[in-house]
Amino acid sequence: MKFPELLLEAINRSEIPLRFEPGADEAVAAPVTELIRAWLQSHAPRIGSDPGRQGVIDELLQELYGTRDLPA
């Protein structure tokens, strides 16, 4: 499963009425995704100081944008 799919499922299960127009789910998901991206990047180590930590952040960002599957 990809994170964007998981996020859209959560939005669809919510009590928020998103029946206004097609694409409303994605419009709600976009700022949440941006917030998570900014939060992850704020925890990035200074250049060269912790390559392992940067690797984990890179993997999480790939999952966030759906270019990598979530771990089973």
N, C-alpha and C. Protein backbone atom coordinates (compact mmCIF):
# COMPACT_ATOMS: atom_id res chain seq x y z
N MET A 1 0.84 -1.18 0.00
CA MET A 1 0.00 0.00 0.00
C MET A 1 0.89 1.24 0.00
N LYS A 2 0.40 2.28 -0.61
CA LYS A 2 1.12 3.55 -0.67
C LYS A 2 0.49 4.54 0.31
N PHE A 3 1.34 5.42 0.86
CA PHE A 3 0.86 6.40 1.84
C PHE A 3 -0.27 7.27 1.29
N PRO A 4 -0.16 7.79 0.05
CA PRO A 4 -1.26 8.63 -0.45
C PRO A 4 -2.60 7.88 -0.45
N GLU A 5 -2.59 6.58 -0.77
CA GLU A 5 -3.82 5.79 -0.73
C GLU A 5 -4.35 5.68 0.70
N LEU A 6 -3.44 5.46 1.64
CA LEU A 6 -3.82 5.35 3.05
C LEU A 6 -4.43 6.66 3.54
N LEU A 7 -3.84 7.78 3.17
CA LEU A 7 -4.35 9.09 3.56
C LEU A 7 -5.73 9.34 2.97
N LEU A 8 -5.92 9.02 1.70
CA LEU A 8 -7.23 9.22 1.07
C LEU A 8 -8.29 8.33 1.71
N GLU A 9 -7.92 7.09 2.09
CA GLU A 9 -8.87 6.22 2.79
C GLU A 9 -9.29 6.84 4.12
N ALA A 10 -8.33 7.39 4.85
CA ALA A 10 -8.65 8.02 6.13
C ALA A 10 -9.57 9.23 5.93
N ILE A 11 -9.30 10.01 4.90
CA ILE A 11 -10.14 11.17 4.62
C ILE A 11 -11.56 10.71 4.27
N ASN A 12 -11.65 9.67 3.47
CA ASN A 12 -12.98 9.17 3.07
C ASN A 12 -13.76 8.59 4.25
N ARG A 13 -13.07 8.07 5.26
CA ARG A 13 -13.74 7.53 6.44
C ARG A 13 -14.10 8.62 7.45
N SER A 14 -13.58 9.81 7.26
CA SER A 14 -13.80 10.88 8.23
C SER A 14 -15.22 11.40 8.16
N GLU A 15 -15.53 12.24 9.11
CA GLU A 15 -16.86 12.84 9.18
C GLU A 15 -16.96 14.11 8.33
N ILE A 16 -15.87 14.46 7.66
CA ILE A 16 -15.85 15.67 6.84
C ILE A 16 -16.67 15.43 5.57
N PRO A 17 -17.68 16.22 5.32
CA PRO A 17 -18.45 16.03 4.08
C PRO A 17 -17.69 16.58 2.88
N LEU A 18 -17.22 15.69 2.03
CA LEU A 18 -16.43 16.11 0.86
C LEU A 18 -17.19 15.83 -0.43
N ARG A 19 -18.45 16.03 -0.41
CA ARG A 19 -19.28 15.74 -1.57
C ARG A 19 -19.37 16.92 -2.52
N PHE A 20 -18.67 18.00 -2.24
CA PHE A 20 -18.84 19.22 -3.03
C PHE A 20 -18.47 19.02 -4.49
N GLU A 21 -17.34 18.43 -4.76
CA GLU A 21 -16.87 18.34 -6.14
C GLU A 21 -15.85 17.23 -6.26
N PRO A 22 -15.66 16.71 -7.46
CA PRO A 22 -14.62 15.70 -7.68
C PRO A 22 -13.25 16.29 -7.35
N GLY A 23 -12.41 15.49 -6.75
CA GLY A 23 -11.07 15.94 -6.40
C GLY A 23 -10.97 16.58 -5.04
N ALA A 24 -12.06 16.65 -4.31
CA ALA A 24 -12.03 17.28 -2.98
C ALA A 24 -11.14 16.50 -2.03
N ASP A 25 -11.15 15.16 -2.13
CA ASP A 25 -10.31 14.35 -1.25
C ASP A 25 -8.83 14.72 -1.42
N GLU A 26 -8.42 14.83 -2.69
CA GLU A 26 -7.02 15.17 -2.97
C GLU A 26 -6.69 16.59 -2.50
N ALA A 27 -7.66 17.49 -2.60
CA ALA A 27 -7.45 18.86 -2.14
C ALA A 27 -7.25 18.92 -0.64
N VAL A 28 -7.92 18.05 0.09
CA VAL A 28 -7.73 17.97 1.54
C VAL A 28 -6.40 17.31 1.86
N ALA A 29 -6.02 16.29 1.10
CA ALA A 29 -4.79 15.55 1.36
C ALA A 29 -3.53 16.37 1.09
N ALA A 30 -3.58 17.27 0.12
CA ALA A 30 -2.38 18.03 -0.28
C ALA A 30 -1.75 18.82 0.86
N PRO A 31 -2.49 19.61 1.65
CA PRO A 31 -1.83 20.34 2.72
C PRO A 31 -1.32 19.42 3.84
N VAL A 32 -1.99 18.29 4.04
CA VAL A 32 -1.52 17.34 5.05
C VAL A 32 -0.18 16.77 4.60
N THR A 33 -0.09 16.40 3.34
CA THR A 33 1.15 15.87 2.78
C THR A 33 2.27 16.90 2.88
N GLU A 34 1.96 18.15 2.58
CA GLU A 34 2.97 19.22 2.66
C GLU A 34 3.44 19.43 4.10
N LEU A 35 2.53 19.37 5.04
CA LEU A 35 2.89 19.51 6.45
C LEU A 35 3.83 18.39 6.88
N ILE A 36 3.53 17.17 6.51
CA ILE A 36 4.38 16.03 6.87
C ILE A 36 5.75 16.16 6.22
N ARG A 37 5.78 16.60 4.94
CA ARG A 37 7.07 16.80 4.26
C ARG A 37 7.93 17.82 4.99
N ALA A 38 7.34 18.93 5.36
CA ALA A 38 8.08 19.97 6.07
C ALA A 38 8.57 19.47 7.42
N TRP A 39 7.74 18.70 8.11
CA TRP A 39 8.12 18.15 9.42
C TRP A 39 9.30 17.19 9.27
N LEU A 40 9.24 16.30 8.27
CA LEU A 40 10.35 15.37 8.06
C LEU A 40 11.63 16.11 7.69
N GLN A 41 11.52 17.07 6.80
CA GLN A 41 12.71 17.80 6.38
C GLN A 41 13.29 18.66 7.50
N SER A 42 12.48 19.05 8.45
CA SER A 42 13.01 19.82 9.58
C SER A 42 13.90 18.95 10.48
N HIS A 43 13.78 17.65 10.35
CA HIS A 43 14.59 16.73 11.15
C HIS A 43 15.81 16.20 10.39
N ALA A 44 16.03 16.72 9.19
CA ALA A 44 17.19 16.29 8.40
C ALA A 44 18.47 16.75 9.08
N PRO A 45 19.48 15.88 9.09
CA PRO A 45 20.75 16.27 9.71
C PRO A 45 21.49 17.28 8.84
N ARG A 46 22.43 17.96 9.46
CA ARG A 46 23.29 18.87 8.69
C ARG A 46 24.08 18.02 7.70
N ILE A 47 24.50 18.63 6.62
CA ILE A 47 25.18 17.90 5.54
C ILE A 47 26.33 17.05 6.09
N GLY A 48 26.24 15.75 5.80
CA GLY A 48 27.31 14.82 6.16
C GLY A 48 27.36 14.40 7.61
N SER A 49 26.52 14.95 8.47
CA SER A 49 26.65 14.64 9.90
C SER A 49 26.02 13.31 10.28
N ASP A 50 25.01 12.84 9.56
CA ASP A 50 24.35 11.57 9.91
C ASP A 50 23.68 10.98 8.67
N PRO A 51 24.46 10.30 7.83
CA PRO A 51 23.91 9.77 6.59
C PRO A 51 22.80 8.73 6.82
N GLY A 52 22.88 7.98 7.91
CA GLY A 52 21.84 7.00 8.21
C GLY A 52 20.50 7.67 8.47
N ARG A 53 20.53 8.73 9.24
CA ARG A 53 19.30 9.48 9.53
C ARG A 53 18.73 10.08 8.25
N GLN A 54 19.60 10.64 7.41
CA GLN A 54 19.14 11.20 6.15
C GLN A 54 18.53 10.11 5.27
N GLY A 55 19.10 8.92 5.31
CA GLY A 55 18.56 7.81 4.54
C GLY A 55 17.15 7.45 4.96
N VAL A 56 16.91 7.45 6.27
CA VAL A 56 15.57 7.16 6.79
C VAL A 56 14.60 8.25 6.35
N ILE A 57 15.00 9.50 6.45
CA ILE A 57 14.14 10.60 6.03
C ILE A 57 13.82 10.49 4.54
N ASP A 58 14.83 10.15 3.74
CA ASP A 58 14.60 9.99 2.30
C ASP A 58 13.60 8.88 2.02
N GLU A 59 13.70 7.76 2.74
CA GLU A 59 12.74 6.66 2.57
C GLU A 59 11.33 7.10 2.97
N LEU A 60 11.21 7.84 4.06
CA LEU A 60 9.90 8.31 4.50
C LEU A 60 9.30 9.28 3.49
N LEU A 61 10.12 10.14 2.91
CA LEU A 61 9.62 11.07 1.89
C LEU A 61 9.16 10.31 0.64
N GLN A 62 9.87 9.25 0.27
CA GLN A 62 9.45 8.43 -0.86
C GLN A 62 8.09 7.79 -0.57
N GLU A 63 7.92 7.31 0.64
CA GLU A 63 6.63 6.73 1.03
C GLU A 63 5.54 7.80 1.03
N LEU A 64 5.86 8.97 1.52
CA LEU A 64 4.90 10.07 1.59
C LEU A 64 4.34 10.40 0.21
N TYR A 65 5.21 10.41 -0.80
CA TYR A 65 4.79 10.78 -2.15
C TYR A 65 4.38 9.57 -3.00
N GLY A 66 4.38 8.38 -2.40
CA GLY A 66 3.89 7.21 -3.10
C GLY A 66 4.84 6.60 -4.10
N THR A 67 6.11 6.96 -4.03
CA THR A 67 7.08 6.35 -4.94
C THR A 67 7.69 5.10 -4.33
N ARG A 68 7.31 4.79 -3.11
CA ARG A 68 7.78 3.60 -2.40
C ARG A 68 6.60 3.06 -1.59
N ASP A 69 6.44 1.74 -1.58
CA ASP A 69 5.38 1.13 -0.79
C ASP A 69 5.67 1.27 0.70
N LEU A 70 4.61 1.33 1.48
CA LEU A 70 4.76 1.29 2.94
C LEU A 70 5.22 -0.10 3.35
N PRO A 71 6.01 -0.23 4.42
CA PRO A 71 6.42 -1.55 4.86
C PRO A 71 5.19 -2.37 5.29
N ALA A 72 5.27 -3.63 5.04
CA ALA A 72 4.14 -4.53 5.39
C ALA A 72 4.06 -4.74 6.89
